[in-house]
Amino acid sequence: MLSIKDNDKYEEIIKYSKFISFIFRVYSKNEVNDYIDKIKKEYPNATHYCYGYVIDNDIKSSDDGEPSRTAGAPILNQITGNNLNYTLIIVVRYFGGVKLGVGPLTRAYGKVAREVIRDNNIITLVKGYDIMITFGYSDIKDIDYILRDSHIISKVFEDNIIYNVLVTSDILDKLGNYNIKINKDIYIEKE
């Protein structure tokens, strides 16, 4: 599955209106709402805050007062047209005094959404897990070898060793004989 690597921003003035597009990788509706609230606080005098997002089967857009389907739909079309998942684009518009009309307005929102995607790196995400693995000191070489390409968040050395690590499904299978607790399912950037 494809997503964006980094949160990013793109800005353009079209017929005296300032359009600022933001792109975020998101995993929940709560994150979407948090980013929308954040942008509204950072740009409090904007005329419109339009957006589109895709999180698995949760797909939504908003025109935020622009004529129907002139803002949210073209933003969303850029996300879906690039086969992106876990992606939110918010476009802030400062009205410049010239009404663009339905066609040019739709193209303007689509353009700034397309450009913020173009400026970003597209990555592949694979299903993974945030796990805790507990093992004895005699197993450390084997565990470190299996986890050599995984992201180890923390290591605790007590009576046993405890690693908090992000692993893909194939690595989890290789760790099958060890004491593992899955904290949560996640998506990991494929190298």
Protein backbone atom coordinates (compact mmCIF):
# COMPACT_ATOMS: atom_id res chain seq x y z
CA MET A 1 0.00 0.00 0.00
CA LEU A 2 1.24 3.49 -0.83
CA SER A 3 1.40 6.55 1.40
CA ILE A 4 3.50 9.66 1.84
CA LYS A 5 6.84 9.73 3.62
CA ASP A 6 6.67 13.16 5.25
CA ASN A 7 4.19 15.82 6.20
CA ASP A 8 4.62 18.72 3.80
CA LYS A 9 3.26 22.07 2.57
CA TYR A 10 2.79 23.78 -0.82
CA GLU A 11 1.70 27.35 -1.47
CA GLU A 12 0.49 29.17 -4.59
CA ILE A 13 -1.40 32.35 -5.48
CA ILE A 14 -4.06 31.82 -8.14
CA LYS A 15 -6.04 34.87 -9.35
CA TYR A 16 -5.21 36.81 -6.15
CA SER A 17 -6.35 33.99 -3.84
CA LYS A 18 -3.69 32.32 -1.72
CA PHE A 19 -3.93 28.51 -1.59
CA ILE A 20 -1.84 26.63 0.98
CA SER A 21 -1.98 22.84 0.83
CA PHE A 22 -0.79 20.55 3.61
CA ILE A 23 -0.30 16.81 3.42
CA PHE A 24 -0.16 14.48 6.43
CA ARG A 25 0.12 10.75 6.99
CA VAL A 26 -2.77 9.80 9.31
CA TYR A 27 -4.05 6.55 10.80
CA SER A 28 -7.29 7.63 12.49
CA LYS A 29 -10.20 10.08 12.30
CA ASN A 30 -8.90 11.59 15.55
CA GLU A 31 -5.61 12.45 13.85
CA VAL A 32 -7.53 14.01 10.95
CA ASN A 33 -9.51 16.20 13.35
CA ASP A 34 -6.34 17.13 15.27
CA TYR A 35 -4.59 18.28 12.09
CA ILE A 36 -7.64 20.25 10.92
CA ASP A 37 -7.85 21.97 14.32
CA LYS A 38 -4.11 22.69 14.26
CA ILE A 39 -4.27 24.27 10.78
CA LYS A 40 -7.30 26.37 11.76
CA LYS A 41 -5.36 27.70 14.77
CA GLU A 42 -2.23 28.40 12.70
CA TYR A 43 -4.22 30.11 9.90
CA PRO A 44 -7.14 31.67 11.81
CA ASN A 45 -8.25 34.22 9.22
CA ALA A 46 -8.50 31.92 6.20
CA THR A 47 -11.71 31.91 4.18
CA HIS A 48 -11.89 28.12 3.72
CA TYR A 49 -10.32 24.95 5.16
CA CYS A 50 -11.11 22.24 2.62
CA TYR A 51 -9.82 18.69 2.85
CA GLY A 52 -9.90 15.11 1.70
CA TYR A 53 -8.55 11.96 3.30
CA VAL A 54 -8.29 8.21 2.84
CA ILE A 55 -7.78 5.85 5.78
CA ASP A 56 -8.48 2.34 4.50
CA ASN A 57 -12.23 2.36 3.70
CA ASP A 58 -12.85 5.67 5.51
CA ILE A 59 -12.88 8.18 2.64
CA LYS A 60 -14.15 11.72 3.12
CA SER A 61 -13.88 15.24 1.77
CA SER A 62 -15.20 18.68 2.71
CA ASP A 63 -15.81 21.80 0.62
CA ASP A 64 -16.07 23.97 3.77
CA GLY A 65 -18.41 26.51 2.20
CA GLU A 66 -17.00 26.47 -1.34
CA PRO A 67 -19.51 25.53 -4.07
CA SER A 68 -20.38 21.83 -3.93
CA ARG A 69 -17.66 19.47 -5.21
CA THR A 70 -15.25 22.28 -6.17
CA ALA A 71 -12.76 21.77 -3.33
CA GLY A 72 -13.04 18.52 -1.37
CA ALA A 73 -13.66 16.33 -4.43
CA PRO A 74 -10.62 17.49 -6.45
CA ILE A 75 -8.44 17.16 -3.34
CA LEU A 76 -9.73 13.63 -2.76
CA ASN A 77 -9.31 12.79 -6.46
CA GLN A 78 -5.59 13.55 -6.18
CA ILE A 79 -5.25 11.21 -3.18
CA THR A 80 -7.18 8.35 -4.78
CA GLY A 81 -5.68 8.96 -8.22
CA ASN A 82 -2.23 8.40 -6.73
CA ASN A 83 -3.46 5.27 -4.87
CA LEU A 84 -2.51 6.80 -1.52
CA ASN A 85 -3.76 5.50 1.79
CA TYR A 86 -3.40 6.99 5.27
CA THR A 87 -3.26 10.42 3.66
CA LEU A 88 -4.91 13.73 4.54
CA ILE A 89 -4.67 16.89 2.44
CA ILE A 90 -5.96 20.17 3.82
CA VAL A 91 -6.11 23.24 1.57
CA VAL A 92 -6.38 26.64 3.21
CA ARG A 93 -7.70 29.42 0.99
CA TYR A 94 -7.44 33.13 1.55
CA PHE A 95 -9.95 34.76 -0.81
CA GLY A 96 -8.23 37.42 -2.92
CA GLY A 97 -11.29 39.33 -4.10
CA VAL A 98 -11.78 37.64 -7.48
CA LYS A 99 -14.36 34.86 -7.83
CA LEU A 100 -12.79 32.07 -9.85
CA GLY A 101 -15.92 30.31 -11.09
CA VAL A 102 -16.66 26.61 -10.67
CA GLY A 103 -14.22 25.22 -13.27
CA PRO A 104 -11.18 27.32 -12.36
CA LEU A 105 -11.88 26.86 -8.63
CA THR A 106 -12.01 23.08 -9.03
CA ARG A 107 -8.76 23.14 -11.02
CA ALA A 108 -7.08 25.36 -8.42
CA TYR A 109 -7.87 22.99 -5.54
CA GLY A 110 -6.83 20.00 -7.63
CA LYS A 111 -3.59 21.68 -8.64
CA VAL A 112 -2.38 22.59 -5.14
CA ALA A 113 -3.30 19.09 -3.91
CA ARG A 114 -1.39 17.53 -6.82
CA GLU A 115 1.66 19.73 -6.15
CA VAL A 116 1.88 18.91 -2.44
CA ILE A 117 1.84 15.20 -3.40
CA ARG A 118 4.40 15.75 -6.16
CA ASP A 119 6.75 17.49 -3.71
CA ASN A 120 6.60 14.46 -1.39
CA ASN A 121 8.14 11.01 -1.50
CA ILE A 122 5.70 8.15 -2.05
CA ILE A 123 6.49 5.09 0.04
CA THR A 124 5.21 1.55 0.39
CA LEU A 125 3.77 0.54 3.77
CA VAL A 126 3.61 -3.08 4.88
CA LYS A 127 1.65 -4.63 7.73
CA GLY A 128 3.67 -4.87 10.90
CA TYR A 129 3.53 -5.10 14.65
CA ASP A 130 4.76 -3.19 17.68
CA ILE A 131 5.92 -6.02 19.96
CA MET A 132 7.64 -6.73 23.26
CA ILE A 133 9.93 -9.76 23.14
CA THR A 134 11.41 -11.32 26.27
CA PHE A 135 14.34 -13.71 26.02
CA GLY A 136 17.38 -15.00 27.88
CA TYR A 137 20.92 -13.71 27.55
CA SER A 138 21.93 -16.90 25.74
CA ASP A 139 19.58 -15.95 22.85
CA ILE A 140 20.81 -12.39 22.29
CA LYS A 141 22.96 -13.18 19.21
CA ASP A 142 20.10 -15.06 17.52
CA ILE A 143 17.56 -12.34 18.35
CA ASP A 144 19.85 -9.52 17.22
CA TYR A 145 20.48 -11.37 13.95
CA ILE A 146 16.76 -11.88 13.29
CA LEU A 147 16.02 -8.24 14.16
CA ARG A 148 19.00 -6.75 12.27
CA ASP A 149 16.73 -4.87 9.82
CA SER A 150 13.97 -4.05 12.32
CA HIS A 151 13.50 -0.85 14.31
CA ILE A 152 14.29 -1.51 17.98
CA ILE A 153 12.60 1.14 20.12
CA SER A 154 14.07 0.11 23.47
CA LYS A 155 16.14 -2.56 25.19
CA VAL A 156 15.89 -3.48 28.89
CA PHE A 157 18.49 -5.74 30.50
CA GLU A 158 17.33 -7.33 33.77
CA ASP A 159 16.94 -11.03 34.69
CA ASN A 160 15.89 -11.43 31.06
CA ILE A 161 16.23 -9.09 28.11
CA ILE A 162 13.17 -7.21 26.87
CA TYR A 163 13.08 -5.48 23.48
CA ASN A 164 10.32 -3.22 22.25
CA VAL A 165 10.58 -3.52 18.47
CA LEU A 166 8.66 -2.84 15.25
CA VAL A 167 8.60 -5.94 13.04
CA THR A 168 7.01 -7.12 9.81
CA SER A 169 4.93 -10.31 9.64
CA ASP A 170 7.81 -12.41 8.29
CA ILE A 171 10.09 -11.36 11.18
CA LEU A 172 7.30 -12.08 13.67
CA ASP A 173 7.06 -15.60 12.24
CA LYS A 174 10.82 -16.10 12.75
CA LEU A 175 10.39 -15.15 16.43
CA GLY A 176 7.65 -17.73 16.97
CA ASN A 177 9.41 -19.70 19.73
CA TYR A 178 10.07 -16.67 21.93
CA ASN A 179 7.88 -14.93 24.50
CA ILE A 180 6.17 -12.20 22.46
CA LYS A 181 3.47 -9.71 23.36
CA ILE A 182 1.92 -7.80 20.45
CA ASN A 183 1.19 -4.25 21.60
CA LYS A 184 -0.61 -3.20 18.41
CA ASP A 185 -0.86 -3.70 14.66
CA ILE A 186 0.94 -1.02 12.68
CA TYR A 187 2.19 -0.21 9.19
CA ILE A 188 5.92 -0.03 8.58
CA GLU A 189 7.73 1.75 5.77
CA LYS A 190 9.16 -0.85 3.39
CA GLU A 191 12.83 -0.24 2.67
